[in-house]
């Protein structure tokens, strides 16, 4: 790992995913790509991080999770942090994204996916920030 000064300027990502192996690989992939990554085992744990003072630039969340789902987490995150970028993951057929999340510029990636694509989409979303 590089020095802490790089971590201070690295984009910060929160991954909320209830499948442990997918979450682990996503965290490793994004960390290797230079992101500072926090992870949450579900939407409720993700919301606690978003409610804290932790810097989060991008929320990556599974849509279907027990308890607080990805749409609910994204809506809460956008309410708390209006500039938050959102990338949703799902293994289910295309379903309409709620209007509030769509207006915020959220993107959806469908499982299974190449983890390099996850990293590229994260970089693309963060580049849209002005």
N, C-alpha and C. Protein backbone atom coordinates (compact mmCIF):
# COMPACT_ATOMS: atom_id res chain seq x y z
N UNK A 1 0.85 -1.18 0.00
CA UNK A 1 0.00 0.00 0.00
C UNK A 1 0.88 1.23 0.00
N UNK A 2 0.44 2.26 -0.69
CA UNK A 2 1.19 3.50 -0.78
C UNK A 2 0.94 4.31 0.48
N UNK A 3 1.67 5.38 0.65
CA UNK A 3 1.57 6.19 1.86
C UNK A 3 0.20 6.77 2.11
N UNK A 4 -0.02 7.28 3.32
CA UNK A 4 -1.33 7.80 3.69
C UNK A 4 -1.70 9.07 2.93
N UNK A 5 -0.73 9.82 2.42
CA UNK A 5 -1.07 11.02 1.67
C UNK A 5 -1.86 10.66 0.41
N UNK A 6 -1.57 9.51 -0.21
CA UNK A 6 -2.33 9.05 -1.36
C UNK A 6 -3.76 8.69 -0.95
N UNK A 7 -3.93 8.11 0.22
CA UNK A 7 -5.26 7.75 0.70
C UNK A 7 -6.11 8.99 0.92
N UNK A 8 -5.47 10.10 1.35
CA UNK A 8 -6.22 11.32 1.60
C UNK A 8 -6.79 11.91 0.32
N UNK A 9 -6.13 11.71 -0.81
CA UNK A 9 -6.60 12.27 -2.07
C UNK A 9 -7.30 11.24 -2.95
N UNK A 10 -7.19 9.97 -2.62
CA UNK A 10 -7.82 8.92 -3.42
C UNK A 10 -9.33 9.04 -3.32
N UNK A 11 -10.05 8.78 -4.41
CA UNK A 11 -11.51 8.75 -4.32
C UNK A 11 -11.95 7.67 -3.35
N UNK A 12 -13.00 7.94 -2.61
CA UNK A 12 -13.47 7.02 -1.59
C UNK A 12 -14.77 6.37 -2.02
N UNK A 13 -14.80 5.04 -1.92
CA UNK A 13 -15.93 4.24 -2.36
C UNK A 13 -16.49 3.44 -1.19
N UNK A 14 -17.81 3.37 -1.12
CA UNK A 14 -18.49 2.51 -0.16
C UNK A 14 -19.17 1.40 -0.96
N UNK A 15 -18.87 0.15 -0.64
CA UNK A 15 -19.51 -0.99 -1.28
C UNK A 15 -20.44 -1.65 -0.28
N UNK A 16 -21.73 -1.72 -0.63
CA UNK A 16 -22.72 -2.43 0.19
C UNK A 16 -23.16 -3.65 -0.61
N UNK A 17 -22.79 -4.82 -0.13
CA UNK A 17 -23.06 -6.07 -0.85
C UNK A 17 -23.18 -7.18 0.18
N UNK A 18 -24.29 -7.94 0.13
CA UNK A 18 -24.50 -8.99 1.12
C UNK A 18 -23.81 -10.31 0.77
N UNK A 19 -23.34 -10.48 -0.45
CA UNK A 19 -22.59 -11.69 -0.82
C UNK A 19 -21.11 -11.45 -0.49
N UNK A 20 -20.62 -12.16 0.50
CA UNK A 20 -19.27 -11.92 1.04
C UNK A 20 -18.17 -12.03 -0.02
N UNK A 21 -18.20 -13.06 -0.86
CA UNK A 21 -17.13 -13.25 -1.84
C UNK A 21 -17.13 -12.13 -2.87
N UNK A 22 -18.29 -11.75 -3.34
CA UNK A 22 -18.39 -10.66 -4.32
C UNK A 22 -17.89 -9.35 -3.69
N UNK A 23 -18.29 -9.11 -2.44
CA UNK A 23 -17.85 -7.90 -1.75
C UNK A 23 -16.33 -7.89 -1.61
N UNK A 24 -15.75 -9.02 -1.23
CA UNK A 24 -14.31 -9.12 -1.04
C UNK A 24 -13.56 -8.83 -2.35
N UNK A 25 -14.00 -9.46 -3.45
CA UNK A 25 -13.33 -9.26 -4.73
C UNK A 25 -13.50 -7.82 -5.21
N UNK A 26 -14.68 -7.24 -5.02
CA UNK A 26 -14.90 -5.85 -5.42
C UNK A 26 -14.00 -4.90 -4.63
N UNK A 27 -13.89 -5.13 -3.33
CA UNK A 27 -13.02 -4.29 -2.49
C UNK A 27 -11.57 -4.40 -2.97
N UNK A 28 -11.10 -5.63 -3.19
CA UNK A 28 -9.71 -5.83 -3.65
C UNK A 28 -9.47 -5.17 -5.00
N UNK A 29 -10.39 -5.33 -5.93
CA UNK A 29 -10.25 -4.77 -7.27
C UNK A 29 -10.18 -3.25 -7.21
N UNK A 30 -11.07 -2.64 -6.47
CA UNK A 30 -11.10 -1.18 -6.40
C UNK A 30 -9.91 -0.63 -5.62
N UNK A 31 -9.49 -1.34 -4.59
CA UNK A 31 -8.30 -0.92 -3.84
C UNK A 31 -7.08 -0.95 -4.75
N UNK A 32 -6.94 -2.03 -5.53
CA UNK A 32 -5.82 -2.15 -6.47
C UNK A 32 -5.86 -1.05 -7.54
N UNK A 33 -7.06 -0.56 -7.85
CA UNK A 33 -7.22 0.50 -8.86
C UNK A 33 -6.97 1.89 -8.27
N UNK A 34 -6.66 1.95 -6.96
CA UNK A 34 -6.30 3.24 -6.36
C UNK A 34 -7.40 3.91 -5.55
N UNK A 35 -8.51 3.23 -5.35
CA UNK A 35 -9.59 3.79 -4.55
C UNK A 35 -9.38 3.46 -3.07
N UNK A 36 -9.86 4.33 -2.21
CA UNK A 36 -9.93 4.04 -0.77
C UNK A 36 -11.32 3.45 -0.57
N UNK A 37 -11.43 2.22 -0.06
CA UNK A 37 -12.70 1.49 -0.06
C UNK A 37 -13.16 1.14 1.35
N UNK A 38 -14.42 1.42 1.61
CA UNK A 38 -15.13 0.96 2.80
C UNK A 38 -16.14 -0.07 2.33
N UNK A 39 -16.46 -1.04 3.18
CA UNK A 39 -17.46 -2.01 2.77
C UNK A 39 -18.47 -2.23 3.88
N UNK A 40 -19.68 -2.61 3.44
CA UNK A 40 -20.78 -2.86 4.36
C UNK A 40 -21.45 -4.17 3.96
N UNK A 41 -21.85 -4.96 4.96
CA UNK A 41 -22.43 -6.27 4.71
C UNK A 41 -23.88 -6.20 4.24
N UNK A 42 -24.51 -5.03 4.39
CA UNK A 42 -25.89 -4.84 3.93
C UNK A 42 -26.21 -3.35 3.89
N UNK A 43 -27.45 -3.04 3.51
CA UNK A 43 -27.84 -1.65 3.38
C UNK A 43 -27.84 -0.88 4.69
N UNK A 44 -28.24 -1.54 5.76
CA UNK A 44 -28.27 -0.86 7.06
C UNK A 44 -26.87 -0.47 7.51
N UNK A 45 -25.91 -1.37 7.33
CA UNK A 45 -24.52 -1.06 7.68
C UNK A 45 -23.98 0.05 6.77
N UNK A 46 -24.37 0.03 5.51
CA UNK A 46 -23.96 1.08 4.58
C UNK A 46 -24.51 2.43 4.98
N UNK A 47 -25.76 2.45 5.41
CA UNK A 47 -26.38 3.71 5.84
C UNK A 47 -25.65 4.30 7.04
N UNK A 48 -25.24 3.45 7.97
CA UNK A 48 -24.49 3.94 9.15
C UNK A 48 -23.21 4.65 8.72
N UNK A 49 -22.54 4.12 7.70
CA UNK A 49 -21.32 4.76 7.20
C UNK A 49 -21.67 6.08 6.53
N UNK A 50 -22.74 6.10 5.74
CA UNK A 50 -23.14 7.34 5.07
C UNK A 50 -23.59 8.40 6.07
N UNK A 51 -24.13 7.99 7.20
CA UNK A 51 -24.57 8.93 8.23
C UNK A 51 -23.40 9.47 9.04
N UNK A 52 -22.23 8.85 8.93
CA UNK A 52 -21.05 9.29 9.67
C UNK A 52 -20.35 10.43 8.92
N UNK A 53 -19.24 10.87 9.47
CA UNK A 53 -18.45 11.92 8.82
C UNK A 53 -17.46 11.37 7.80
N UNK A 54 -17.51 10.07 7.55
CA UNK A 54 -16.59 9.43 6.61
C UNK A 54 -16.79 9.99 5.21
N UNK A 55 -15.70 10.36 4.56
CA UNK A 55 -15.77 10.87 3.18
C UNK A 55 -16.13 9.70 2.25
N UNK A 56 -17.21 9.85 1.50
CA UNK A 56 -17.62 8.85 0.52
C UNK A 56 -17.94 9.60 -0.77
N UNK A 57 -17.23 9.27 -1.85
CA UNK A 57 -17.48 9.90 -3.15
C UNK A 57 -18.45 9.09 -4.00
N UNK A 58 -18.41 7.76 -3.84
CA UNK A 58 -19.20 6.87 -4.67
C UNK A 58 -19.78 5.74 -3.83
N UNK A 59 -21.08 5.50 -3.99
CA UNK A 59 -21.74 4.36 -3.37
C UNK A 59 -21.93 3.30 -4.44
N UNK A 60 -21.42 2.10 -4.18
CA UNK A 60 -21.68 0.95 -5.04
C UNK A 60 -22.49 -0.01 -4.19
N UNK A 61 -23.71 -0.31 -4.65
CA UNK A 61 -24.59 -1.13 -3.82
C UNK A 61 -25.32 -2.17 -4.64
N UNK A 62 -25.43 -3.36 -4.05
CA UNK A 62 -26.31 -4.38 -4.59
C UNK A 62 -27.74 -3.86 -4.43
N UNK A 63 -28.60 -4.20 -5.37
CA UNK A 63 -29.99 -3.75 -5.26
C UNK A 63 -30.77 -4.65 -4.31
N UNK A 64 -30.65 -5.96 -4.49
CA UNK A 64 -31.43 -6.91 -3.67
C UNK A 64 -30.61 -7.34 -2.46
N UNK A 65 -30.95 -6.77 -1.29
CA UNK A 65 -30.30 -7.15 -0.04
C UNK A 65 -31.39 -7.27 1.01
N UNK A 66 -31.18 -8.11 2.02
CA UNK A 66 -32.16 -8.18 3.10
C UNK A 66 -32.21 -6.86 3.86
N UNK A 67 -33.37 -6.53 4.39
CA UNK A 67 -33.51 -5.27 5.12
C UNK A 67 -33.54 -4.10 4.16
N UNK A 68 -32.66 -3.16 4.35
CA UNK A 68 -32.57 -1.98 3.50
C UNK A 68 -31.98 -2.38 2.15
N UNK A 69 -32.75 -2.23 1.06
CA UNK A 69 -32.23 -2.63 -0.24
C UNK A 69 -31.40 -1.51 -0.87
N UNK A 70 -30.82 -1.78 -2.01
CA UNK A 70 -29.94 -0.82 -2.66
C UNK A 70 -30.62 0.48 -3.07
N UNK A 71 -31.87 0.39 -3.52
CA UNK A 71 -32.60 1.60 -3.88
C UNK A 71 -32.82 2.48 -2.65
N UNK A 72 -33.22 1.86 -1.55
CA UNK A 72 -33.44 2.60 -0.31
C UNK A 72 -32.14 3.23 0.19
N UNK A 73 -31.06 2.47 0.10
CA UNK A 73 -29.76 2.98 0.53
C UNK A 73 -29.33 4.14 -0.35
N UNK A 74 -29.50 4.01 -1.66
CA UNK A 74 -29.12 5.09 -2.59
C UNK A 74 -29.95 6.35 -2.32
N UNK A 75 -31.25 6.18 -2.12
CA UNK A 75 -32.10 7.35 -1.85
C UNK A 75 -31.70 8.04 -0.55
N UNK A 76 -31.43 7.26 0.48
CA UNK A 76 -31.00 7.83 1.76
C UNK A 76 -29.64 8.51 1.61
N UNK A 77 -28.72 7.85 0.87
CA UNK A 77 -27.40 8.43 0.65
C UNK A 77 -27.47 9.74 -0.11
N UNK A 78 -28.33 9.80 -1.12
CA UNK A 78 -28.48 11.04 -1.89
C UNK A 78 -29.12 12.15 -1.06
N UNK A 79 -30.01 11.78 -0.15
CA UNK A 79 -30.62 12.78 0.73
C UNK A 79 -29.58 13.34 1.70
N UNK A 80 -28.70 12.47 2.19
CA UNK A 80 -27.66 12.90 3.13
C UNK A 80 -26.50 13.63 2.43
N UNK A 81 -26.20 13.19 1.21
CA UNK A 81 -25.04 13.69 0.46
C UNK A 81 -25.47 13.92 -0.99
N UNK A 82 -26.02 15.08 -1.29
CA UNK A 82 -26.58 15.34 -2.63
C UNK A 82 -25.59 15.14 -3.79
N UNK A 83 -24.31 15.26 -3.57
CA UNK A 83 -23.33 15.08 -4.64
C UNK A 83 -22.83 13.65 -4.80
N UNK A 84 -23.39 12.73 -4.03
CA UNK A 84 -22.95 11.34 -4.05
C UNK A 84 -23.20 10.71 -5.41
N UNK A 85 -22.21 9.98 -5.92
CA UNK A 85 -22.36 9.21 -7.15
C UNK A 85 -22.81 7.81 -6.75
N UNK A 86 -23.64 7.17 -7.61
CA UNK A 86 -24.23 5.88 -7.26
C UNK A 86 -24.07 4.89 -8.42
N UNK A 87 -23.60 3.70 -8.08
CA UNK A 87 -23.53 2.59 -9.02
C UNK A 87 -24.23 1.41 -8.35
N UNK A 88 -25.28 0.91 -8.99
CA UNK A 88 -26.05 -0.20 -8.44
C UNK A 88 -25.69 -1.49 -9.16
N UNK A 89 -25.67 -2.60 -8.41
CA UNK A 89 -25.36 -3.91 -8.97
C UNK A 89 -26.58 -4.81 -8.78
N UNK A 90 -26.85 -5.64 -9.79
CA UNK A 90 -27.95 -6.59 -9.66
C UNK A 90 -27.71 -7.81 -10.53
N UNK A 91 -28.23 -8.93 -10.07
CA UNK A 91 -28.18 -10.16 -10.84
C UNK A 91 -29.53 -10.47 -11.46
N UNK A 92 -30.46 -9.55 -11.33
CA UNK A 92 -31.82 -9.76 -11.82
C UNK A 92 -32.02 -9.03 -13.14
N UNK A 93 -33.07 -9.41 -13.85
CA UNK A 93 -33.39 -8.78 -15.13
C UNK A 93 -33.58 -7.27 -14.91
N UNK A 94 -33.44 -6.55 -15.99
CA UNK A 94 -33.56 -5.10 -15.90
C UNK A 94 -34.88 -4.71 -15.27
N UNK A 95 -34.78 -3.81 -14.33
CA UNK A 95 -35.97 -3.28 -13.68
C UNK A 95 -35.81 -1.77 -13.64
N UNK A 96 -36.91 -1.05 -13.63
CA UNK A 96 -36.80 0.42 -13.68
C UNK A 96 -36.14 0.97 -12.42
N UNK A 97 -35.24 1.91 -12.62
CA UNK A 97 -34.58 2.60 -11.50
C UNK A 97 -35.54 3.70 -11.02
N UNK A 98 -35.74 3.83 -9.72
CA UNK A 98 -36.59 4.92 -9.23
C UNK A 98 -36.12 6.27 -9.78
N UNK A 99 -37.07 7.13 -10.09
CA UNK A 99 -36.80 8.40 -10.76
C UNK A 99 -35.77 9.26 -10.03
N UNK A 100 -35.87 9.35 -8.70
CA UNK A 100 -34.95 10.18 -7.92
C UNK A 100 -33.50 9.71 -8.10
N UNK A 101 -33.30 8.40 -8.14
CA UNK A 101 -31.96 7.84 -8.30
C UNK A 101 -31.48 8.04 -9.74
N UNK A 102 -32.38 7.87 -10.69
CA UNK A 102 -32.03 8.07 -12.10
C UNK A 102 -31.60 9.52 -12.35
N UNK A 103 -32.35 10.47 -11.79
CA UNK A 103 -32.02 11.90 -11.96
C UNK A 103 -30.64 12.23 -11.39
N UNK A 104 -30.21 11.49 -10.39
CA UNK A 104 -28.90 11.71 -9.78
C UNK A 104 -27.76 11.15 -10.64
N UNK A 105 -28.11 10.50 -11.76
CA UNK A 105 -27.09 9.97 -12.66
C UNK A 105 -26.58 8.59 -12.32
N UNK A 106 -27.34 7.85 -11.53
CA UNK A 106 -26.91 6.51 -11.14
C UNK A 106 -26.82 5.60 -12.35
N UNK A 107 -25.90 4.65 -12.27
CA UNK A 107 -25.75 3.63 -13.31
C UNK A 107 -25.98 2.27 -12.68
N UNK A 108 -26.27 1.27 -13.53
CA UNK A 108 -26.50 -0.09 -13.06
C UNK A 108 -25.56 -1.02 -13.81
N UNK A 109 -24.96 -1.95 -13.07
CA UNK A 109 -24.12 -2.99 -13.67
C UNK A 109 -24.77 -4.33 -13.33
N UNK A 110 -24.82 -5.21 -14.33
CA UNK A 110 -25.51 -6.48 -14.16
C UNK A 110 -24.53 -7.62 -13.90
N UNK A 111 -24.84 -8.42 -12.86
CA UNK A 111 -24.04 -9.58 -12.49
C UNK A 111 -24.38 -10.73 -13.43
N UNK A 112 -23.44 -11.59 -13.75
CA UNK A 112 -22.02 -11.47 -13.42
C UNK A 112 -21.35 -10.45 -14.33
N UNK A 113 -20.34 -9.79 -13.80
CA UNK A 113 -19.61 -8.79 -14.58
C UNK A 113 -18.12 -8.96 -14.37
N UNK A 114 -17.36 -8.40 -15.29
CA UNK A 114 -15.90 -8.39 -15.21
C UNK A 114 -15.54 -7.30 -14.19
N UNK A 115 -14.73 -7.62 -13.22
CA UNK A 115 -14.41 -6.64 -12.17
C UNK A 115 -13.63 -5.44 -12.71
N UNK A 116 -12.94 -5.61 -13.82
CA UNK A 116 -12.28 -4.45 -14.44
C UNK A 116 -13.32 -3.44 -14.92
N UNK A 117 -14.49 -3.94 -15.34
CA UNK A 117 -15.58 -3.06 -15.76
C UNK A 117 -16.09 -2.28 -14.55
N UNK A 118 -16.16 -2.92 -13.39
CA UNK A 118 -16.57 -2.24 -12.16
C UNK A 118 -15.64 -1.07 -11.88
N UNK A 119 -14.36 -1.30 -11.97
CA UNK A 119 -13.37 -0.25 -11.73
C UNK A 119 -13.51 0.88 -12.76
N UNK A 120 -13.69 0.53 -14.01
CA UNK A 120 -13.85 1.53 -15.07
C UNK A 120 -15.10 2.37 -14.87
N UNK A 121 -16.21 1.72 -14.52
CA UNK A 121 -17.45 2.46 -14.28
C UNK A 121 -17.31 3.39 -13.07
N UNK A 122 -16.62 2.94 -12.04
CA UNK A 122 -16.39 3.78 -10.87
C UNK A 122 -15.60 5.03 -11.27
N UNK A 123 -14.55 4.84 -12.05
CA UNK A 123 -13.75 5.97 -12.49
C UNK A 123 -14.56 6.92 -13.37
N UNK A 124 -15.39 6.35 -14.25
CA UNK A 124 -16.23 7.15 -15.14
C UNK A 124 -17.24 7.99 -14.35
N UNK A 125 -17.90 7.38 -13.38
CA UNK A 125 -18.85 8.12 -12.56
C UNK A 125 -18.18 9.25 -11.79
N UNK A 126 -17.02 8.98 -11.23
CA UNK A 126 -16.33 10.00 -10.44
C UNK A 126 -15.78 11.11 -11.33
N UNK A 127 -15.46 10.82 -12.58
CA UNK A 127 -14.98 11.85 -13.50
C UNK A 127 -16.09 12.83 -13.86
N UNK A 128 -17.36 12.41 -13.74
CA UNK A 128 -18.49 13.27 -14.04
C UNK A 128 -18.69 14.34 -12.99
N UNK A 129 -18.04 14.18 -11.86
CA UNK A 129 -18.20 15.12 -10.74
C UNK A 129 -17.51 16.44 -11.07
N UNK A 130 -18.20 17.53 -10.80
CA UNK A 130 -17.61 18.85 -11.07
C UNK A 130 -17.59 19.68 -9.81
